[in-house]
């Protein structure tokens, strides 16, 4: 198959340019006349972008974008290729680094965090493939485990779930350490914010000692932890607004942890955090857990804006490939949004709405005599890609619009519709 290359200067060419540049450096590329790697990646990204229920429907609707539509069997065979899976994973790793060079880091102002790579991790489940074999008489949901970089919002695929509904800790324990650390250099600390399902004191103690891996989570209701001390912390620091107490506690088998109580200033809800990290200001620990919600919003976007509600194929390799391609599209969107912002094109209507909502929250907290932590005030960013942006991309791809002709349309969409 030979695809129609997007015209130089078009929206499609601009969007795909980072992938084209990075492909030449990937070690997992091969010459494949039937379906070249660049075309395969292009197909995968288009498949994620468009809300279509099946591979057959996708090829039938978008075949006219290619000189020759790949045969259905060839397309599905390519999804089962372990080599292509490795290529997609390598490409996404390189693309994440490209985002680092393109998108600013709003957490760089906190010197405490300088030595840490920061991620929110969680599992996301969607429907089985059409031809998946039943397990115990029923088709089972497909689980993907992702890590969202809290600095720049890049998305990485950690693992595919195994069996009926694999537990989070079981997934983490079988991860290759280099993947778990997201290829961070030796000596670099890596901190994961995860929900209560991730708590295993023994495992995290080993990972901290051997690999510089740290966690932040919520205390479980039935935990019996022994208080051993109360470290000093600065109550006047605006970062620590809402912090009620900080304690050193012993977990199972004498694993030392830090327990932090935090009162959310708007809702009045009390949260109790546990972490094996002992140096960061307690307000930053509470703030990082608040950012964990970002990964849930990304999952909502995958389901409701991109229509990724079902596995593409029944092989584990194909399912993992789908996860990697989802990450690729998400990260390319970060780059295109950064370019649009540099050109003065932003979702002004949504920015105004967000500012208005946050101003009301500040007023409400002040009326209750509570202060919103300074990191929450400083970091006001979107947690999802706009549906307007996705629709603009789809229509621009379909109409093969030039970037300079298409961006005025997006400016109007952002301002009025």
Protein backbone atom coordinates (compact mmCIF):
# COMPACT_ATOMS: atom_id res chain seq x y z
CA UNK A 1 0.00 0.00 0.00
CA UNK A 2 1.16 3.50 -0.74
CA UNK A 3 -0.63 6.26 1.14
CA UNK A 4 -1.29 9.73 -0.15
CA UNK A 5 1.25 11.85 1.69
CA UNK A 6 -0.37 14.91 3.27
CA UNK A 7 0.43 18.04 1.31
CA UNK A 8 3.33 20.02 2.68
CA UNK A 9 1.91 22.80 4.83
CA UNK A 10 -1.42 21.06 5.40
CA UNK A 11 -2.93 20.49 8.83
CA UNK A 12 -2.32 16.75 8.46
CA UNK A 13 1.35 17.25 7.51
CA UNK A 14 1.87 19.68 10.38
CA UNK A 15 0.22 17.36 12.86
CA UNK A 16 2.18 14.29 11.71
CA UNK A 17 5.54 16.06 11.25
CA UNK A 18 6.94 15.14 14.70
CA UNK A 19 6.23 11.44 14.06
CA UNK A 20 7.86 11.52 10.64
CA UNK A 21 11.01 13.09 12.03
CA UNK A 22 11.24 10.65 14.94
CA UNK A 23 10.56 7.51 12.87
CA UNK A 24 13.90 7.78 11.12
CA UNK A 25 15.68 7.45 14.48
CA UNK A 26 13.67 4.46 15.74
CA UNK A 27 15.54 1.16 15.93
CA UNK A 28 12.38 -0.91 15.38
CA UNK A 29 11.62 0.37 11.87
CA UNK A 30 11.73 -2.09 8.96
CA UNK A 31 11.08 -1.92 5.22
CA UNK A 32 7.60 -3.29 4.55
CA UNK A 33 6.30 -2.69 0.98
CA UNK A 34 2.82 -4.00 1.85
CA UNK A 35 2.28 -1.45 4.64
CA UNK A 36 5.18 0.93 5.36
CA UNK A 37 5.71 1.92 8.97
CA UNK A 38 4.88 5.57 8.34
CA UNK A 39 1.59 4.62 6.72
CA UNK A 40 0.83 2.17 9.52
CA UNK A 41 1.36 4.85 12.18
CA UNK A 42 -0.73 7.30 10.15
CA UNK A 43 -3.56 4.74 9.96
CA UNK A 44 -3.36 4.10 13.70
CA UNK A 45 -3.51 7.77 14.59
CA UNK A 46 -6.45 8.33 12.25
CA UNK A 47 -8.20 5.33 13.81
CA UNK A 48 -7.87 6.84 17.30
CA UNK A 49 -8.91 10.29 16.13
CA UNK A 50 -12.12 9.21 14.44
CA UNK A 51 -15.11 7.87 16.36
CA UNK A 52 -15.77 4.64 14.50
CA UNK A 53 -16.96 1.32 15.97
CA UNK A 54 -14.77 -1.10 14.01
CA UNK A 55 -11.69 -1.49 11.86
CA UNK A 56 -13.84 -2.38 8.88
CA UNK A 57 -15.89 0.80 9.30
CA UNK A 58 -12.72 2.87 9.66
CA UNK A 59 -11.15 1.51 6.45
CA UNK A 60 -14.37 1.84 4.46
CA UNK A 61 -14.89 5.44 5.54
CA UNK A 62 -11.28 6.58 5.16
CA UNK A 63 -10.04 4.47 2.24
CA UNK A 64 -10.26 7.49 -0.06
CA UNK A 65 -7.48 9.14 1.93
CA UNK A 66 -5.09 6.52 0.59
CA UNK A 67 -3.99 5.57 -2.89
CA UNK A 68 -4.79 1.94 -2.07
CA UNK A 69 -6.80 0.87 0.93
CA UNK A 70 -4.96 -1.91 2.81
CA UNK A 71 -6.78 -5.24 2.74
CA UNK A 72 -8.69 -5.87 5.94
CA UNK A 73 -6.64 -8.97 6.72
CA UNK A 74 -3.36 -7.10 6.17
CA UNK A 75 -4.49 -4.30 8.48
CA UNK A 76 -5.44 -6.65 11.33
CA UNK A 77 -2.28 -8.73 10.89
CA UNK A 78 -0.21 -5.57 11.28
CA UNK A 79 -1.89 -4.90 14.62
CA UNK A 80 -0.67 -8.29 15.88
CA UNK A 81 2.95 -7.54 15.00
CA UNK A 82 5.19 -7.51 18.09
CA UNK A 83 7.74 -5.51 16.10
CA UNK A 84 5.19 -2.79 15.35
CA UNK A 85 4.17 -2.75 19.02
CA UNK A 86 7.82 -2.12 19.96
CA UNK A 87 7.96 0.58 17.30
CA UNK A 88 4.88 2.34 18.67
CA UNK A 89 6.28 2.19 22.22
CA UNK A 90 9.67 3.52 21.12
CA UNK A 91 8.06 6.24 19.05
CA UNK A 92 5.93 7.38 21.98
CA UNK A 93 8.95 7.45 24.29
CA UNK A 94 10.77 9.69 21.82
CA UNK A 95 7.67 11.83 21.32
CA UNK A 96 7.37 12.39 25.08
CA UNK A 97 10.89 13.81 25.02
CA UNK A 98 9.88 16.03 22.10
CA UNK A 99 7.01 17.37 24.22
CA UNK A 100 9.53 18.23 26.96
CA UNK A 101 11.29 20.44 24.40
CA UNK A 102 8.00 21.98 23.24
CA UNK A 103 5.65 22.39 26.22
CA UNK A 104 6.47 24.40 29.36
CA UNK A 105 6.59 22.79 32.80
CA UNK A 106 4.32 24.66 35.26
CA UNK A 107 5.79 22.74 38.22
CA UNK A 108 9.33 23.95 37.53
CA UNK A 109 8.76 26.90 39.91
CA UNK A 110 8.87 24.50 42.90
CA UNK A 111 12.50 23.76 43.70
CA UNK A 112 11.38 20.92 46.01
CA UNK A 113 10.22 18.97 42.95
CA UNK A 114 13.32 19.51 40.81
CA UNK A 115 14.73 16.03 41.46
CA UNK A 116 11.47 14.20 40.73
CA UNK A 117 9.70 12.85 37.69
CA UNK A 118 6.01 12.96 38.60
CA UNK A 119 3.26 10.68 37.32
CA UNK A 120 -0.37 9.88 38.00
CA UNK A 121 -0.96 6.19 37.38
CA UNK A 122 -4.19 4.23 37.03
CA UNK A 123 -6.01 1.54 35.11
CA UNK A 124 -8.62 2.19 32.43
CA UNK A 125 -11.08 -0.47 31.27
CA UNK A 126 -13.13 -0.69 28.10
CA UNK A 127 -15.11 -3.26 26.19
CA UNK A 128 -13.78 -6.54 24.82
CA UNK A 129 -13.04 -6.96 21.12
CA UNK A 130 -15.82 -8.32 18.91
CA UNK A 131 -14.03 -11.67 18.57
CA UNK A 132 -12.61 -11.99 22.08
CA UNK A 133 -13.08 -15.46 23.58
CA UNK A 134 -15.31 -15.60 26.68
CA UNK A 135 -13.73 -16.15 30.10
CA UNK A 136 -15.94 -18.25 32.39
CA UNK A 137 -18.80 -17.80 29.97
CA UNK A 138 -18.58 -14.04 29.50
CA UNK A 139 -16.46 -11.55 27.62
CA UNK A 140 -14.31 -9.51 29.94
CA UNK A 141 -13.36 -5.85 29.90
CA UNK A 142 -9.91 -5.00 28.59
CA UNK A 143 -7.61 -3.22 31.04
CA UNK A 144 -4.89 -0.73 30.16
CA UNK A 145 -2.59 0.85 32.73
CA UNK A 146 -1.30 4.32 31.98
CA UNK A 147 1.04 6.91 33.48
CA UNK A 148 0.28 10.60 32.98
CA UNK A 149 3.23 12.97 33.38
CA UNK A 150 2.03 15.63 35.82
CA UNK A 151 4.51 18.18 34.51
CA UNK A 152 3.52 18.29 30.82
CA UNK A 153 0.59 15.85 30.59
CA UNK A 154 2.28 13.34 28.30
CA UNK A 155 0.60 9.94 28.38
CA UNK A 156 2.52 6.63 28.54
CA UNK A 157 1.22 3.07 28.35
CA UNK A 158 2.52 0.95 31.22
CA UNK A 159 0.93 -2.45 30.64
CA UNK A 160 -2.04 -4.41 29.42
CA UNK A 161 -4.16 -6.06 32.09
CA UNK A 162 -4.20 -9.86 32.25
CA UNK A 163 -7.21 -12.03 33.03
CA UNK A 164 -10.61 -10.97 34.32
CA UNK A 165 -9.61 -7.70 35.98
CA UNK A 166 -6.01 -7.66 37.11
CA UNK A 167 -5.29 -5.79 40.34
CA UNK A 168 -3.19 -2.63 40.12
CA UNK A 169 -0.44 -3.89 42.42
CA UNK A 170 -0.11 -7.13 40.47
CA UNK A 171 0.46 -5.07 37.32
CA UNK A 172 3.07 -2.88 38.99
CA UNK A 173 4.94 -5.87 40.40
CA UNK A 174 5.37 -7.44 36.98
CA UNK A 175 6.50 -4.23 35.25
CA UNK A 176 10.01 -3.99 33.91
CA UNK A 177 11.74 -1.48 36.18
CA UNK A 178 12.91 0.65 33.27
CA UNK A 179 9.31 0.99 32.08
CA UNK A 180 8.13 1.63 35.64
CA UNK A 181 10.71 4.43 35.93
CA UNK A 182 9.85 5.64 32.42
CA UNK A 183 13.50 5.39 31.40
CA UNK A 184 14.55 8.02 33.97
CA UNK A 185 18.34 8.23 34.31
CA UNK A 186 20.04 6.59 37.27
CA UNK A 187 19.80 8.74 40.39
CA UNK A 188 16.61 10.47 39.27
CA UNK A 189 13.65 10.07 41.66
CA UNK A 190 10.29 8.94 40.26
CA UNK A 191 7.08 9.56 42.19
CA UNK A 192 3.72 8.00 41.35
CA UNK A 193 0.38 9.29 42.58
CA UNK A 194 -2.04 6.37 42.61
CA UNK A 195 -5.35 5.54 44.27
CA UNK A 196 -5.61 3.27 47.31
CA UNK A 197 -5.38 0.13 45.19
CA UNK A 198 -1.63 0.70 44.83
CA UNK A 199 -0.77 0.46 48.52
CA UNK A 200 1.64 -2.35 49.35
CA UNK A 201 4.12 -1.14 51.94
CA UNK A 202 6.63 -3.93 51.35
CA UNK A 203 6.71 -3.43 47.58
CA UNK A 204 7.09 0.35 47.72
CA UNK A 205 9.80 0.07 50.36
CA UNK A 206 11.80 -2.24 48.09
CA UNK A 207 11.23 -0.03 45.06
CA UNK A 208 12.29 3.08 46.97
CA UNK A 209 15.47 1.50 48.29
CA UNK A 210 16.52 -0.20 45.04
CA UNK A 211 15.09 2.03 42.30
CA UNK A 212 14.20 5.47 43.68
CA UNK A 213 10.45 4.93 43.26
CA UNK A 214 8.04 6.78 45.57
CA UNK A 215 4.26 6.82 45.99
CA UNK A 216 1.50 9.11 47.21
CA UNK A 217 -1.93 7.67 47.94
CA UNK A 218 -4.90 7.88 50.30
CA UNK A 219 -5.00 6.04 53.60
CA UNK A 220 -7.37 3.09 53.66
CA UNK A 221 -10.10 3.19 56.27
CA UNK A 222 -9.11 -0.05 58.02
CA UNK A 223 -5.39 0.71 58.34
CA UNK A 224 -3.89 0.64 61.83
CA UNK A 225 -0.78 2.81 61.74
CA UNK A 226 1.37 3.64 64.76
CA UNK A 227 2.36 7.29 65.14
CA UNK A 228 6.09 7.66 65.88
CA UNK A 229 6.64 11.40 65.59
CA UNK A 230 5.50 14.76 64.23
CA UNK A 231 7.96 16.43 61.85
CA UNK A 232 8.16 20.21 61.73
CA UNK A 233 6.43 22.03 58.87
CA UNK A 234 5.72 25.69 58.06
CA UNK A 235 2.09 26.57 58.69
CA UNK A 236 2.61 30.07 57.26
CA UNK A 237 3.80 28.77 53.89
CA UNK A 238 0.99 29.42 51.35
CA UNK A 239 1.86 26.10 49.71
CA UNK A 240 0.75 24.37 52.95
CA UNK A 241 -2.67 26.06 53.18
CA UNK A 242 -5.26 23.49 54.25
CA UNK A 243 -2.76 21.11 55.87
CA UNK A 244 -4.08 20.02 59.28
CA UNK A 245 -1.32 17.73 60.54
CA UNK A 246 1.79 15.82 59.52
CA UNK A 247 2.89 12.59 61.24
CA UNK A 248 5.46 9.87 60.89
CA UNK A 249 3.75 6.50 61.09
CA UNK A 250 4.81 2.88 60.92
CA UNK A 251 3.02 0.63 58.47
CA UNK A 252 3.11 -3.15 58.23
CA UNK A 253 6.44 -4.69 59.29
CA UNK A 254 7.83 -1.35 60.40
CA UNK A 255 7.84 0.51 57.08
CA UNK A 256 8.11 4.22 57.90
CA UNK A 257 5.65 6.52 56.12
CA UNK A 258 4.44 10.09 56.31
CA UNK A 259 0.75 10.74 56.96
CA UNK A 260 -0.67 14.13 55.96
CA UNK A 261 -4.16 15.42 56.78
CA UNK A 262 -5.56 18.03 54.44
CA UNK A 263 -8.83 19.99 54.47
CA UNK A 264 -10.05 20.88 50.98
CA UNK A 265 -11.02 24.58 51.30
CA UNK A 266 -14.06 24.61 49.02
CA UNK A 267 -15.79 21.29 49.73
CA UNK A 268 -14.61 20.96 53.34
CA UNK A 269 -13.65 17.33 52.69
CA UNK A 270 -10.75 15.95 54.74
CA UNK A 271 -8.19 13.81 52.95
CA UNK A 272 -5.54 11.66 54.61
CA UNK A 273 -2.50 10.98 52.41
CA UNK A 274 0.23 8.41 52.84
CA UNK A 275 3.65 8.64 51.20
CA UNK A 276 7.09 7.12 51.52
CA UNK A 277 8.59 10.46 50.45
CA UNK A 278 9.83 12.41 53.51
CA UNK A 279 11.20 15.73 52.20
CA UNK A 280 8.60 17.50 50.06
CA UNK A 281 6.43 20.14 51.69
CA UNK A 282 3.16 18.55 52.82
CA UNK A 283 1.18 21.02 50.74
CA UNK A 284 2.93 19.77 47.62
CA UNK A 285 2.00 16.19 48.50
CA UNK A 286 -1.67 17.24 48.79
CA UNK A 287 -1.40 19.20 45.54
CA UNK A 288 0.11 16.27 43.64
CA UNK A 289 -2.75 14.05 44.75
CA UNK A 290 -5.20 16.67 43.53
CA UNK A 291 -3.48 16.46 40.14
CA UNK A 292 -4.20 12.72 40.08
CA UNK A 293 -7.69 13.67 38.93
CA UNK A 294 -6.10 14.70 35.61
CA UNK A 295 -5.59 11.08 34.59
CA UNK A 296 -9.28 10.36 35.23
CA UNK A 297 -10.20 13.26 32.96
CA UNK A 298 -7.91 11.88 30.27
CA UNK A 299 -9.70 8.53 30.51
CA UNK A 300 -13.03 10.34 30.16
CA UNK A 301 -11.68 12.01 27.03
CA UNK A 302 -10.61 8.68 25.54
CA UNK A 303 -14.07 7.25 26.10
CA UNK A 304 -16.37 10.16 25.31
CA UNK A 305 -14.46 12.42 22.92
CA UNK A 306 -12.40 9.87 20.99
CA UNK A 307 -14.87 6.99 21.26
CA UNK A 308 -12.23 4.50 22.45
CA UNK A 309 -14.69 2.20 24.19
CA UNK A 310 -13.76 -1.18 22.73
CA UNK A 311 -10.65 -3.19 21.90
CA UNK A 312 -9.69 -3.17 18.21
CA UNK A 313 -8.65 -6.83 18.02
CA UNK A 314 -8.47 -9.92 20.19
CA UNK A 315 -4.70 -10.54 20.49
CA UNK A 316 -2.87 -9.07 23.52
CA UNK A 317 -0.31 -7.52 21.17
CA UNK A 318 -3.00 -5.72 19.18
CA UNK A 319 -4.60 -4.44 22.38
CA UNK A 320 -1.30 -3.14 23.71
CA UNK A 321 -0.64 -1.52 20.32
CA UNK A 322 -3.98 0.25 20.55
CA UNK A 323 -2.90 1.66 23.93
CA UNK A 324 0.39 2.93 22.50
CA UNK A 325 -1.34 4.59 19.53
CA UNK A 326 -3.79 6.27 21.89
CA UNK A 327 -0.82 7.73 23.76
CA UNK A 328 0.78 8.88 20.50
CA UNK A 329 -2.31 10.82 19.48
CA UNK A 330 -2.70 12.37 22.92
CA UNK A 331 0.92 13.56 22.90
CA UNK A 332 0.75 14.90 19.35
CA UNK A 333 -2.26 16.96 20.45
CA UNK A 334 -0.08 18.54 23.15
CA UNK A 335 2.41 19.64 20.51
CA UNK A 336 -0.22 21.05 18.16
CA UNK A 337 -1.90 22.91 21.02
CA UNK A 338 1.45 24.47 21.96
CA UNK A 339 1.89 25.65 18.36
CA UNK A 340 -1.62 27.07 18.25
CA UNK A 341 -1.04 28.92 21.52
CA UNK A 342 2.18 30.39 20.13
CA UNK A 343 0.12 31.68 17.20
CA UNK A 344 -2.41 33.26 19.57
CA UNK A 345 -5.15 30.68 19.00
CA UNK A 346 -6.67 29.50 22.29
CA UNK A 347 -10.04 28.31 23.48
CA UNK A 348 -11.00 31.74 24.78
CA UNK A 349 -14.59 30.87 25.65
CA UNK A 350 -13.51 27.89 27.74
CA UNK A 351 -10.70 29.86 29.39
CA UNK A 352 -13.21 32.54 30.45
CA UNK A 353 -15.60 29.91 31.80
CA UNK A 354 -12.83 28.24 33.80
CA UNK A 355 -11.65 31.54 35.25
CA UNK A 356 -15.19 32.44 36.29
CA UNK A 357 -15.72 29.08 37.98
CA UNK A 358 -12.44 29.31 39.87
CA UNK A 359 -13.16 32.89 41.00
CA UNK A 360 -16.42 31.69 42.54
CA UNK A 361 -14.56 28.87 44.32
CA UNK A 362 -12.09 31.40 45.76
CA UNK A 363 -14.92 33.60 46.99
CA UNK A 364 -16.67 30.64 48.60
CA UNK A 365 -13.50 29.49 50.39
CA UNK A 366 -12.78 33.02 51.60
CA UNK A 367 -16.30 33.33 53.01
CA UNK A 368 -15.58 30.20 55.06
CA UNK A 369 -12.31 31.65 56.30
CA UNK A 370 -10.20 29.16 54.34
CA UNK A 371 -7.27 29.70 52.00
CA UNK A 372 -6.73 27.93 48.70
CA UNK A 373 -3.15 26.59 48.48
CA UNK A 374 -0.91 28.69 46.26
CA UNK A 375 -0.11 25.82 43.82
CA UNK A 376 -3.82 25.37 43.11
CA UNK A 377 -4.14 29.08 42.35
CA UNK A 378 -1.02 29.11 40.19
CA UNK A 379 -1.81 26.05 38.08
CA UNK A 380 -5.03 26.56 36.16
CA UNK A 381 -4.76 24.38 33.06
CA UNK A 382 -7.12 22.23 31.04
CA UNK A 383 -7.13 18.52 31.80
CA UNK A 384 -8.63 17.49 28.43
CA UNK A 385 -8.19 18.36 24.79
CA UNK A 386 -11.11 20.41 23.54
CA UNK A 387 -13.74 18.63 21.47
CA UNK A 388 -13.63 21.69 19.21
CA UNK A 389 -9.98 20.96 18.49
CA UNK A 390 -10.72 17.31 17.73
CA UNK A 391 -13.56 18.18 15.36
CA UNK A 392 -11.41 20.81 13.65
CA UNK A 393 -8.65 18.25 13.11
CA UNK A 394 -11.06 15.67 11.70
CA UNK A 395 -12.61 18.11 9.23
CA UNK A 396 -9.23 19.60 8.28
CA UNK A 397 -7.82 16.13 7.60
CA UNK A 398 -10.85 15.18 5.53
CA UNK A 399 -10.81 18.42 3.49
CA UNK A 400 -6.99 18.39 3.21
CA UNK A 401 -6.82 22.01 4.35
CA UNK A 402 -3.61 23.99 4.57
CA UNK A 403 -2.62 25.06 8.08
CA UNK A 404 -2.85 28.78 7.24
CA UNK A 405 -6.34 28.31 5.77
CA UNK A 406 -7.63 26.11 8.59
CA UNK A 407 -6.43 27.97 11.68
CA UNK A 408 -8.73 31.00 11.17
CA UNK A 409 -11.64 28.56 11.31
CA UNK A 410 -10.41 27.22 14.66
CA UNK A 411 -10.04 30.75 15.99
CA UNK A 412 -13.71 31.37 15.19
CA UNK A 413 -14.75 28.03 16.72
CA UNK A 414 -12.94 28.83 19.95
CA UNK A 415 -14.40 32.32 20.20
CA UNK A 416 -18.02 31.75 19.24
CA UNK A 417 -19.28 28.17 19.02
